[in-house]
Amino acid sequence: MTRTMSGNRERLGFRDGDKGVHSSRTLMLAELELVLAATAPAAGMAEFRRAVCEDNVLGKRTATTREHTVRKLKALYGLDPAIPVYRLMRHFWEADPDGRPILAFLCAVARDPILRASIGAILDLPLGADLAPGALESTVRPSFSLSTRAAIASHLTSSWVTAGYLSRGTTKVRKQAVATPGAAAYALALGYMEGGRGGLLLATPWTRLLDCSPDDVVGLVQRAARRGWVEYRAAGDVVDLRVESQFTEIERGWCDGQPG
């Protein structure tokens, strides 16, 4: 259990429990790109619903499909600047476009327990190794029917491919995802929200998702610091790493476990 209280996790934008968007959808990165391109960084749900349901920026044929899609995007990404998990993803989405696949993936992991449960099955797989049949299916709760577990595994596979951790093609091969300074800064922020502080932020499940060596993680963080996104200083084994400036005072209180 992190120092962040469960109620504060929800306020920050994390979603826990048994349910997740990957029970019926994938990362929806293409849809997210279109919707974010059609809205301002400070847009709220009203603007997103207008873009999807009225302006039909996703090219969906029916009103029902448009509404269903915007609800799934809301569930997976938050789509509310009052939610730090979403707001910071959107900030780095604009500031570091090359990092968008991993930025979206990190946000989705924070908000989808089904996707989060599959992390070990992929990151523990050596680079160049084939993804074994059933590997992702085994991460899904056994209370689901066999057909549902297979469908969820297919959705999970698609999302890991889209984010760059698996190759395309019939055989899925483990590959190294491409992380960026913006993705690193966002990963540090997610770790901070879960109670990490200082040098410990360099070794969280979120920095592991950057999919690179510890030295390369430090290199990305140093580049993020030069962009003013984080504060990083190191003297020998002592690391001073701060991301507090990304949060409001109230949000910092949530991250510290103070009552909301």
C-alpha atoms as a PDB file:
ATOM      1  CA  MET A   1       0.000   0.000   0.000  1.00  0.00           C
ATOM      2  CA  THR A   2       1.431   3.378  -0.945  1.00  0.00           C
ATOM      3  CA  ARG A   3       1.227   6.385   1.325  1.00  0.00           C
ATOM      4  CA  THR A   4      -1.465   7.805  -0.996  1.00  0.00           C
ATOM      5  CA  MET A   5      -4.882   7.131   0.581  1.00  0.00           C
ATOM      6  CA  SER A   6      -7.321   5.126  -1.532  1.00  0.00           C
ATOM      7  CA  GLY A   7      -9.739   8.051  -1.766  1.00  0.00           C
ATOM      8  CA  ASN A   8      -6.922  10.312  -2.865  1.00  0.00           C
ATOM      9  CA  ARG A   9      -5.879   7.802  -5.518  1.00  0.00           C
ATOM     10  CA  GLU A  10      -9.296   8.232  -7.073  1.00  0.00           C
ATOM     11  CA  ARG A  11      -9.060  12.018  -6.867  1.00  0.00           C
ATOM     12  CA  LEU A  12      -5.653  11.907  -8.539  1.00  0.00           C
ATOM     13  CA  GLY A  13      -7.106   9.797 -11.346  1.00  0.00           C
ATOM     14  CA  PHE A  14      -6.157   6.192 -10.570  1.00  0.00           C
ATOM     15  CA  ARG A  15      -8.795   3.528 -11.005  1.00  0.00           C
ATOM     16  CA  ASP A  16      -8.635   0.302  -9.018  1.00  0.00           C
ATOM     17  CA  GLY A  17     -10.868  -2.746  -8.677  1.00  0.00           C
ATOM     18  CA  ASP A  18     -11.767  -5.532 -11.073  1.00  0.00           C
ATOM     19  CA  LYS A  19     -13.250  -3.666 -14.041  1.00  0.00           C
ATOM     20  CA  GLY A  20     -11.418  -2.013 -16.920  1.00  0.00           C
ATOM     21  CA  VAL A  21     -11.867  -0.722 -20.433  1.00  0.00           C
ATOM     22  CA  HIS A  22      -9.827  -3.605 -21.840  1.00  0.00           C
ATOM     23  CA  SER A  23     -12.766  -5.889 -21.180  1.00  0.00           C
ATOM     24  CA  SER A  24     -14.205  -4.480 -24.407  1.00  0.00           C
ATOM     25  CA  ARG A  25     -11.715  -2.081 -26.025  1.00  0.00           C
ATOM     26  CA  THR A  26      -8.014  -1.494 -26.646  1.00  0.00           C
ATOM     27  CA  LEU A  27      -5.733   1.496 -26.029  1.00  0.00           C
ATOM     28  CA  MET A  28      -7.712   3.472 -28.634  1.00  0.00           C
ATOM     29  CA  LEU A  29      -4.607   5.538 -29.401  1.00  0.00           C
ATOM     30  CA  ALA A  30      -5.787   6.581 -32.868  1.00  0.00           C
ATOM     31  CA  GLU A  31      -9.089   7.824 -31.438  1.00  0.00           C
ATOM     32  CA  LEU A  32      -7.319   9.656 -28.636  1.00  0.00           C
ATOM     33  CA  GLU A  33      -5.011  11.412 -31.101  1.00  0.00           C
ATOM     34  CA  LEU A  34      -7.951  12.656 -33.172  1.00  0.00           C
ATOM     35  CA  VAL A  35      -9.925  13.829 -30.162  1.00  0.00           C
ATOM     36  CA  LEU A  36      -7.004  15.654 -28.549  1.00  0.00           C
ATOM     37  CA  ALA A  37      -6.129  17.283 -31.884  1.00  0.00           C
ATOM     38  CA  ALA A  38      -9.672  18.636 -32.061  1.00  0.00           C
ATOM     39  CA  THR A  39      -9.768  20.074 -28.524  1.00  0.00           C
ATOM     40  CA  ALA A  40      -7.791  22.580 -26.481  1.00  0.00           C
ATOM     41  CA  PRO A  41      -5.519  21.379 -23.646  1.00  0.00           C
ATOM     42  CA  ALA A  42      -7.938  22.810 -21.070  1.00  0.00           C
ATOM     43  CA  ALA A  43     -10.990  21.172 -22.649  1.00  0.00           C
ATOM     44  CA  GLY A  44     -13.432  19.344 -20.404  1.00  0.00           C
ATOM     45  CA  MET A  45     -15.949  16.616 -21.033  1.00  0.00           C
ATOM     46  CA  ALA A  46     -18.451  18.942 -22.697  1.00  0.00           C
ATOM     47  CA  GLU A  47     -15.904  19.842 -25.373  1.00  0.00           C
ATOM     48  CA  PHE A  48     -14.890  16.215 -25.865  1.00  0.00           C
ATOM     49  CA  ARG A  49     -18.490  15.102 -26.219  1.00  0.00           C
ATOM     50  CA  ARG A  50     -19.127  17.905 -28.709  1.00  0.00           C
ATOM     51  CA  ALA A  51     -16.088  16.907 -30.781  1.00  0.00           C
ATOM     52  CA  VAL A  52     -17.027  13.217 -30.836  1.00  0.00           C
ATOM     53  CA  CYS A  53     -20.823  13.266 -30.802  1.00  0.00           C
ATOM     54  CA  GLU A  54     -21.659  16.468 -32.697  1.00  0.00           C
ATOM     55  CA  ASP A  55     -18.634  17.175 -34.877  1.00  0.00           C
ATOM     56  CA  ASN A  56     -17.979  13.431 -35.335  1.00  0.00           C
ATOM     57  CA  VAL A  57     -14.198  13.846 -35.498  1.00  0.00           C
ATOM     58  CA  LEU A  58     -13.874  10.053 -35.216  1.00  0.00           C
ATOM     59  CA  GLY A  59     -16.076   9.387 -38.223  1.00  0.00           C
ATOM     60  CA  LYS A  60     -18.485   7.077 -36.361  1.00  0.00           C
ATOM     61  CA  ARG A  61     -21.683   6.214 -38.230  1.00  0.00           C
ATOM     62  CA  THR A  62     -24.239   6.333 -35.427  1.00  0.00           C
ATOM     63  CA  ALA A  63     -24.921   8.576 -32.457  1.00  0.00           C
ATOM     64  CA  THR A  64     -24.925   5.523 -30.201  1.00  0.00           C
ATOM     65  CA  THR A  65     -21.442   4.493 -31.318  1.00  0.00           C
ATOM     66  CA  ARG A  66     -20.136   8.035 -30.871  1.00  0.00           C
ATOM     67  CA  GLU A  67     -21.490   8.262 -27.336  1.00  0.00           C
ATOM     68  CA  HIS A  68     -20.173   4.820 -26.446  1.00  0.00           C
ATOM     69  CA  THR A  69     -16.709   5.717 -27.754  1.00  0.00           C
ATOM     70  CA  VAL A  70     -16.451   8.970 -25.827  1.00  0.00           C
ATOM     71  CA  ARG A  71     -17.504   7.158 -22.646  1.00  0.00           C
ATOM     72  CA  LYS A  72     -14.764   4.578 -23.149  1.00  0.00           C
ATOM     73  CA  LEU A  73     -12.182   7.309 -23.792  1.00  0.00           C
ATOM     74  CA  LYS A  74     -13.348   9.050 -20.628  1.00  0.00           C
ATOM     75  CA  ALA A  75     -12.996   5.849 -18.617  1.00  0.00           C
ATOM     76  CA  LEU A  76      -9.544   5.073 -19.980  1.00  0.00           C
ATOM     77  CA  TYR A  77      -7.977   8.544 -19.929  1.00  0.00           C
ATOM     78  CA  GLY A  78     -10.068  10.760 -17.656  1.00  0.00           C
ATOM     79  CA  LEU A  79     -10.547  13.622 -20.142  1.00  0.00           C
ATOM     80  CA  ASP A  80     -10.787  16.143 -17.313  1.00  0.00           C
ATOM     81  CA  PRO A  81      -8.054  18.710 -16.523  1.00  0.00           C
ATOM     82  CA  ALA A  82      -9.066  18.495 -12.863  1.00  0.00           C
ATOM     83  CA  ILE A  83      -7.703  14.928 -12.823  1.00  0.00           C
ATOM     84  CA  PRO A  84      -3.890  15.051 -12.427  1.00  0.00           C
ATOM     85  CA  VAL A  85      -3.303  11.681 -14.111  1.00  0.00           C
ATOM     86  CA  TYR A  86      -4.990  13.035 -17.245  1.00  0.00           C
ATOM     87  CA  ARG A  87      -3.866  16.677 -16.996  1.00  0.00           C
ATOM     88  CA  LEU A  88      -0.174  15.799 -16.834  1.00  0.00           C
ATOM     89  CA  MET A  89      -0.482  13.283 -19.641  1.00  0.00           C
ATOM     90  CA  ARG A  90      -2.098  16.000 -21.771  1.00  0.00           C
ATOM     91  CA  HIS A  91       0.636  18.483 -20.829  1.00  0.00           C
ATOM     92  CA  PHE A  92       3.420  16.171 -21.992  1.00  0.00           C
ATOM     93  CA  TRP A  93       1.331  15.099 -24.984  1.00  0.00           C
ATOM     94  CA  GLU A  94       1.597  18.672 -26.241  1.00  0.00           C
ATOM     95  CA  ALA A  95       5.177  19.271 -25.059  1.00  0.00           C
ATOM     96  CA  ASP A  96       6.728  15.995 -26.246  1.00  0.00           C
ATOM     97  CA  PRO A  97       4.813  14.574 -29.258  1.00  0.00           C
ATOM     98  CA  ASP A  98       7.336  11.769 -29.821  1.00  0.00           C
ATOM     99  CA  GLY A  99       6.361  10.314 -26.463  1.00  0.00           C
ATOM    100  CA  ARG A 100       2.647  10.028 -27.160  1.00  0.00           C
ATOM    101  CA  PRO A 101       2.348   6.221 -27.421  1.00  0.00           C
ATOM    102  CA  ILE A 102       3.980   5.649 -24.026  1.00  0.00           C
ATOM    103  CA  LEU A 103       2.278   8.682 -22.474  1.00  0.00           C
ATOM    104  CA  ALA A 104      -1.114   7.274 -23.456  1.00  0.00           C
ATOM    105  CA  PHE A 105      -0.077   3.827 -22.278  1.00  0.00           C
ATOM    106  CA  LEU A 106       1.088   5.054 -18.865  1.00  0.00           C
ATOM    107  CA  CYS A 107      -2.186   6.924 -18.388  1.00  0.00           C
ATOM    108  CA  ALA A 108      -4.180   3.852 -19.433  1.00  0.00           C
ATOM    109  CA  VAL A 109      -2.222   1.647 -17.007  1.00  0.00           C
ATOM    110  CA  ALA A 110      -3.061   4.062 -14.183  1.00  0.00           C
ATOM    111  CA  ARG A 111      -6.744   3.920 -15.056  1.00  0.00           C
ATOM    112  CA  ASP A 112      -7.312   0.313 -16.137  1.00  0.00           C
ATOM    113  CA  PRO A 113      -6.688  -2.481 -13.609  1.00  0.00           C
ATOM    114  CA  ILE A 114      -6.983  -5.115 -16.341  1.00  0.00           C
ATOM    115  CA  LEU A 115      -4.147  -3.548 -18.311  1.00  0.00           C
ATOM    116  CA  ARG A 116      -2.130  -2.996 -15.140  1.00  0.00           C
ATOM    117  CA  ALA A 117      -2.357  -6.684 -14.250  1.00  0.00           C
ATOM    118  CA  SER A 118      -0.675  -7.635 -17.531  1.00  0.00           C
ATOM    119  CA  ILE A 119       2.545  -5.673 -16.971  1.00  0.00           C
ATOM    120  CA  GLY A 120       4.642  -8.538 -15.654  1.00  0.00           C
ATOM    121  CA  ALA A 121       3.705 -10.853 -18.512  1.00  0.00           C
ATOM    122  CA  ILE A 122       5.258  -8.418 -20.992  1.00  0.00           C
ATOM    123  CA  LEU A 123       8.077  -6.671 -19.143  1.00  0.00           C
ATOM    124  CA  ASP A 124       9.434  -9.963 -17.766  1.00  0.00           C
ATOM    125  CA  LEU A 125       9.674 -11.293 -21.320  1.00  0.00           C
ATOM    126  CA  PRO A 126      13.247 -10.985 -22.684  1.00  0.00           C
ATOM    127  CA  LEU A 127      13.757  -8.765 -25.699  1.00  0.00           C
ATOM    128  CA  GLY A 128      13.473 -10.829 -28.866  1.00  0.00           C
ATOM    129  CA  ALA A 129      11.402 -13.572 -27.226  1.00  0.00           C
ATOM    130  CA  ASP A 130       8.036 -14.645 -28.595  1.00  0.00           C
ATOM    131  CA  LEU A 131       4.922 -13.954 -26.552  1.00  0.00           C
ATOM    132  CA  ALA A 132       3.638 -17.405 -25.595  1.00  0.00           C
ATOM    133  CA  PRO A 133       0.023 -18.305 -26.383  1.00  0.00           C
ATOM    134  CA  GLY A 134      -2.093 -17.745 -23.300  1.00  0.00           C
ATOM    135  CA  ALA A 135       0.471 -15.534 -21.558  1.00  0.00           C
ATOM    136  CA  LEU A 136      -1.825 -12.523 -21.396  1.00  0.00           C
ATOM    137  CA  GLU A 137      -4.932 -14.632 -20.945  1.00  0.00           C
ATOM    138  CA  SER A 138      -3.416 -15.963 -17.720  1.00  0.00           C
ATOM    139  CA  THR A 139      -3.322 -12.410 -16.273  1.00  0.00           C
ATOM    140  CA  VAL A 140      -7.115 -12.051 -16.533  1.00  0.00           C
ATOM    141  CA  ARG A 141      -9.281 -12.972 -13.551  1.00  0.00           C
ATOM    142  CA  PRO A 142     -10.343 -16.628 -13.778  1.00  0.00           C
ATOM    143  CA  SER A 143     -13.913 -15.671 -12.871  1.00  0.00           C
ATOM    144  CA  PHE A 144     -14.343 -14.482 -16.472  1.00  0.00           C
ATOM    145  CA  SER A 145     -15.518 -17.059 -18.992  1.00  0.00           C
ATOM    146  CA  LEU A 146     -12.913 -18.610 -21.290  1.00  0.00           C
ATOM    147  CA  SER A 147     -14.252 -16.703 -24.292  1.00  0.00           C
ATOM    148  CA  THR A 148     -14.183 -13.403 -22.389  1.00  0.00           C
ATOM    149  CA  ARG A 149     -10.642 -14.028 -21.178  1.00  0.00           C
ATOM    150  CA  ALA A 150      -9.543 -14.728 -24.738  1.00  0.00           C
ATOM    151  CA  ALA A 151     -11.186 -11.523 -25.973  1.00  0.00           C
ATOM    152  CA  ILE A 152      -9.554  -9.469 -23.211  1.00  0.00           C
ATOM    153  CA  ALA A 153      -6.172 -11.029 -23.997  1.00  0.00           C
ATOM    154  CA  SER A 154      -6.626  -9.971 -27.619  1.00  0.00           C
ATOM    155  CA  HIS A 155      -7.364  -6.392 -26.527  1.00  0.00           C
ATOM    156  CA  LEU A 156      -4.328  -6.396 -24.240  1.00  0.00           C
ATOM    157  CA  THR A 157      -2.074  -7.710 -26.992  1.00  0.00           C
ATOM    158  CA  SER A 158      -3.228  -4.967 -29.339  1.00  0.00           C
ATOM    159  CA  SER A 159      -2.490  -2.279 -26.751  1.00  0.00           C
ATOM    160  CA  TRP A 160       1.002  -3.584 -25.984  1.00  0.00           C
ATOM    161  CA  VAL A 161       1.696  -3.662 -29.728  1.00  0.00           C
ATOM    162  CA  THR A 162       0.372  -0.126 -30.195  1.00  0.00           C
ATOM    163  CA  ALA A 163       2.546   1.195 -27.358  1.00  0.00           C
ATOM    164  CA  GLY A 164       5.651  -0.390 -28.904  1.00  0.00           C
ATOM    165  CA  TYR A 165       6.452  -3.240 -26.505  1.00  0.00           C
ATOM    166  CA  LEU A 166       5.496  -6.033 -28.923  1.00  0.00           C
ATOM    167  CA  SER A 167       6.034  -6.419 -32.660  1.00  0.00           C
ATOM    168  CA  ARG A 168       3.232  -6.488 -35.173  1.00  0.00           C
ATOM    169  CA  GLY A 169       2.525  -9.606 -37.207  1.00  0.00           C
ATOM    170  CA  THR A 170       1.191 -13.061 -36.471  1.00  0.00           C
ATOM    171  CA  THR A 171       3.922 -13.850 -33.923  1.00  0.00           C
ATOM    172  CA  LYS A 172       4.268 -11.188 -31.254  1.00  0.00           C
ATOM    173  CA  VAL A 173       7.905 -10.629 -30.358  1.00  0.00           C
ATOM    174  CA  ARG A 174       9.061  -8.607 -27.366  1.00  0.00           C
ATOM    175  CA  LYS A 175      10.723  -5.371 -28.486  1.00  0.00           C
ATOM    176  CA  GLN A 176      11.968  -2.305 -26.681  1.00  0.00           C
ATOM    177  CA  ALA A 177       9.540   0.568 -26.485  1.00  0.00           C
ATOM    178  CA  VAL A 178      10.815   4.065 -27.257  1.00  0.00           C
ATOM    179  CA  ALA A 179      10.717   6.334 -24.217  1.00  0.00           C
ATOM    180  CA  THR A 180      11.222  10.104 -24.258  1.00  0.00           C
ATOM    181  CA  PRO A 181      12.000  12.803 -21.661  1.00  0.00           C
ATOM    182  CA  GLY A 182       8.323  13.750 -21.466  1.00  0.00           C
ATOM    183  CA  ALA A 183       7.338  10.143 -20.828  1.00  0.00           C
ATOM    184  CA  ALA A 184      10.015   9.945 -18.128  1.00  0.00           C
ATOM    185  CA  ALA A 185       8.740  13.110 -16.430  1.00  0.00           C
ATOM    186  CA  TYR A 186       5.200  11.718 -16.512  1.00  0.00           C
ATOM    187  CA  ALA A 187       6.374   8.370 -15.100  1.00  0.00           C
ATOM    188  CA  LEU A 188       8.048  10.232 -12.225  1.00  0.00           C
ATOM    189  CA  ALA A 189       4.832  12.150 -11.573  1.00  0.00           C
ATOM    190  CA  LEU A 190       2.836   8.915 -11.421  1.00  0.00           C
ATOM    191  CA  GLY A 191       5.352   7.498  -8.980  1.00  0.00           C
ATOM    192  CA  TYR A 192       5.089  10.661  -6.878  1.00  0.00           C
ATOM    193  CA  MET A 193       1.301  10.338  -6.813  1.00  0.00           C
ATOM    194  CA  GLU A 194       1.733   6.848  -5.386  1.00  0.00           C
ATOM    195  CA  GLY A 195       4.029   8.041  -2.612  1.00  0.00           C
ATOM    196  CA  GLY A 196       7.502   7.838  -4.152  1.00  0.00           C
ATOM    197  CA  ARG A 197       9.968  10.571  -3.276  1.00  0.00           C
ATOM    198  CA  GLY A 198      13.505  11.598  -4.213  1.00  0.00           C
ATOM    199  CA  GLY A 199      15.764   9.004  -5.773  1.00  0.00           C
ATOM    200  CA  LEU A 200      13.175   6.276  -5.162  1.00  0.00           C
ATOM    201  CA  LEU A 201      11.214   7.772  -8.063  1.00  0.00           C
ATOM    202  CA  LEU A 202      13.840   6.317 -10.394  1.00  0.00           C
ATOM    203  CA  ALA A 203      12.807   2.758  -9.529  1.00  0.00           C
ATOM    204  CA  THR A 204       9.015   2.488  -9.576  1.00  0.00           C
ATOM    205  CA  PRO A 205       6.671   0.382 -11.713  1.00  0.00           C
ATOM    206  CA  TRP A 206       6.166   3.535 -13.785  1.00  0.00           C
ATOM    207  CA  THR A 207       9.838   4.036 -14.632  1.00  0.00           C
ATOM    208  CA  ARG A 208      10.015   0.318 -15.383  1.00  0.00           C
ATOM    209  CA  LEU A 209       7.437   0.943 -18.098  1.00  0.00           C
ATOM    210  CA  LEU A 210       9.933   3.289 -19.758  1.00  0.00           C
ATOM    211  CA  ASP A 211      11.513  -0.008 -20.825  1.00  0.00           C
ATOM    212  CA  CYS A 212      15.158   1.001 -20.575  1.00  0.00           C
ATOM    213  CA  SER A 213      18.134   0.479 -18.301  1.00  0.00           C
ATOM    214  CA  PRO A 214      18.507   2.431 -15.026  1.00  0.00           C
ATOM    215  CA  ASP A 215      21.283   4.512 -16.617  1.00  0.00           C
ATOM    216  CA  ASP A 216      19.059   5.327 -19.581  1.00  0.00           C
ATOM    217  CA  VAL A 217      16.229   6.289 -17.217  1.00  0.00           C
ATOM    218  CA  VAL A 218      18.590   8.744 -15.512  1.00  0.00           C
ATOM    219  CA  GLY A 219      19.576  10.101 -18.924  1.00  0.00           C
ATOM    220  CA  LEU A 220      15.930  10.716 -19.810  1.00  0.00           C
ATOM    221  CA  VAL A 221      15.332  12.387 -16.438  1.00  0.00           C
ATOM    222  CA  GLN A 222      18.347  14.649 -16.953  1.00  0.00           C
ATOM    223  CA  ARG A 223      16.961  15.684 -20.332  1.00  0.00           C
ATOM    224  CA  ALA A 224      13.563  16.313 -18.727  1.00  0.00           C
ATOM    225  CA  ALA A 225      15.286  18.477 -16.111  1.00  0.00           C
ATOM    226  CA  ARG A 226      16.900  20.564 -18.845  1.00  0.00           C
ATOM    227  CA  ARG A 227      13.389  21.187 -20.194  1.00  0.00           C
ATOM    228  CA  GLY A 228      12.291  22.373 -16.745  1.00  0.00           C
ATOM    229  CA  TRP A 229       9.860  19.500 -16.210  1.00  0.00           C
ATOM    230  CA  VAL A 230      11.603  18.068 -13.129  1.00  0.00           C
ATOM    231  CA  GLU A 231      14.431  19.029 -10.784  1.00  0.00           C
ATOM    232  CA  TYR A 232      17.395  16.645 -10.742  1.00  0.00           C
ATOM    233  CA  ARG A 233      20.695  16.871  -8.894  1.00  0.00           C
ATOM    234  CA  ALA A 234      23.132  14.115  -8.030  1.00  0.00           C
ATOM    235  CA  ALA A 235      26.278  14.070  -5.908  1.00  0.00           C
ATOM    236  CA  GLY A 236      27.795  10.627  -5.681  1.00  0.00           C
ATOM    237  CA  ASP A 237      25.086   8.250  -4.526  1.00  0.00           C
ATOM    238  CA  VAL A 238      22.867  11.067  -3.265  1.00  0.00           C
ATOM    239  CA  VAL A 239      20.057  11.997  -5.657  1.00  0.00           C
ATOM    240  CA  ASP A 240      17.783  14.986  -5.220  1.00  0.00           C
ATOM    241  CA  LEU A 241      14.833  14.509  -7.546  1.00  0.00           C
ATOM    242  CA  ARG A 242      11.701  16.642  -7.337  1.00  0.00           C
ATOM    243  CA  VAL A 243       8.493  16.768  -9.347  1.00  0.00           C
ATOM    244  CA  GLU A 244       6.349  18.784  -6.928  1.00  0.00           C
ATOM    245  CA  SER A 245       6.114  21.748  -9.308  1.00  0.00           C
ATOM    246  CA  GLN A 246       3.840  19.675 -11.554  1.00  0.00           C
ATOM    247  CA  PHE A 247       1.126  19.691  -8.882  1.00  0.00           C
ATOM    248  CA  THR A 248      -1.054  22.206  -7.077  1.00  0.00           C
ATOM    249  CA  GLU A 249      -0.798  22.548  -3.307  1.00  0.00           C
ATOM    250  CA  ILE A 250      -4.000  20.572  -2.814  1.00  0.00           C
ATOM    251  CA  GLU A 251      -2.791  17.820  -5.130  1.00  0.00           C
ATOM    252  CA  ARG A 252       0.509  17.599  -3.271  1.00  0.00           C
ATOM    253  CA  GLY A 253      -1.516  17.058  -0.108  1.00  0.00           C
ATOM    254  CA  TRP A 254      -3.368  14.198  -1.776  1.00  0.00           C
ATOM    255  CA  CYS A 255      -0.041  12.685  -2.836  1.00  0.00           C
ATOM    256  CA  ASP A 256       1.183  12.946   0.763  1.00  0.00           C
ATOM    257  CA  GLY A 257      -1.858  11.057   2.020  1.00  0.00           C
ATOM    258  CA  GLN A 258      -3.657  14.041   3.529  1.00  0.00           C
ATOM    259  CA  PRO A 259      -7.472  13.785   3.620  1.00  0.00           C
ATOM    260  CA  GLY A 260      -9.135  15.274   0.586  1.00  0.00           C
END
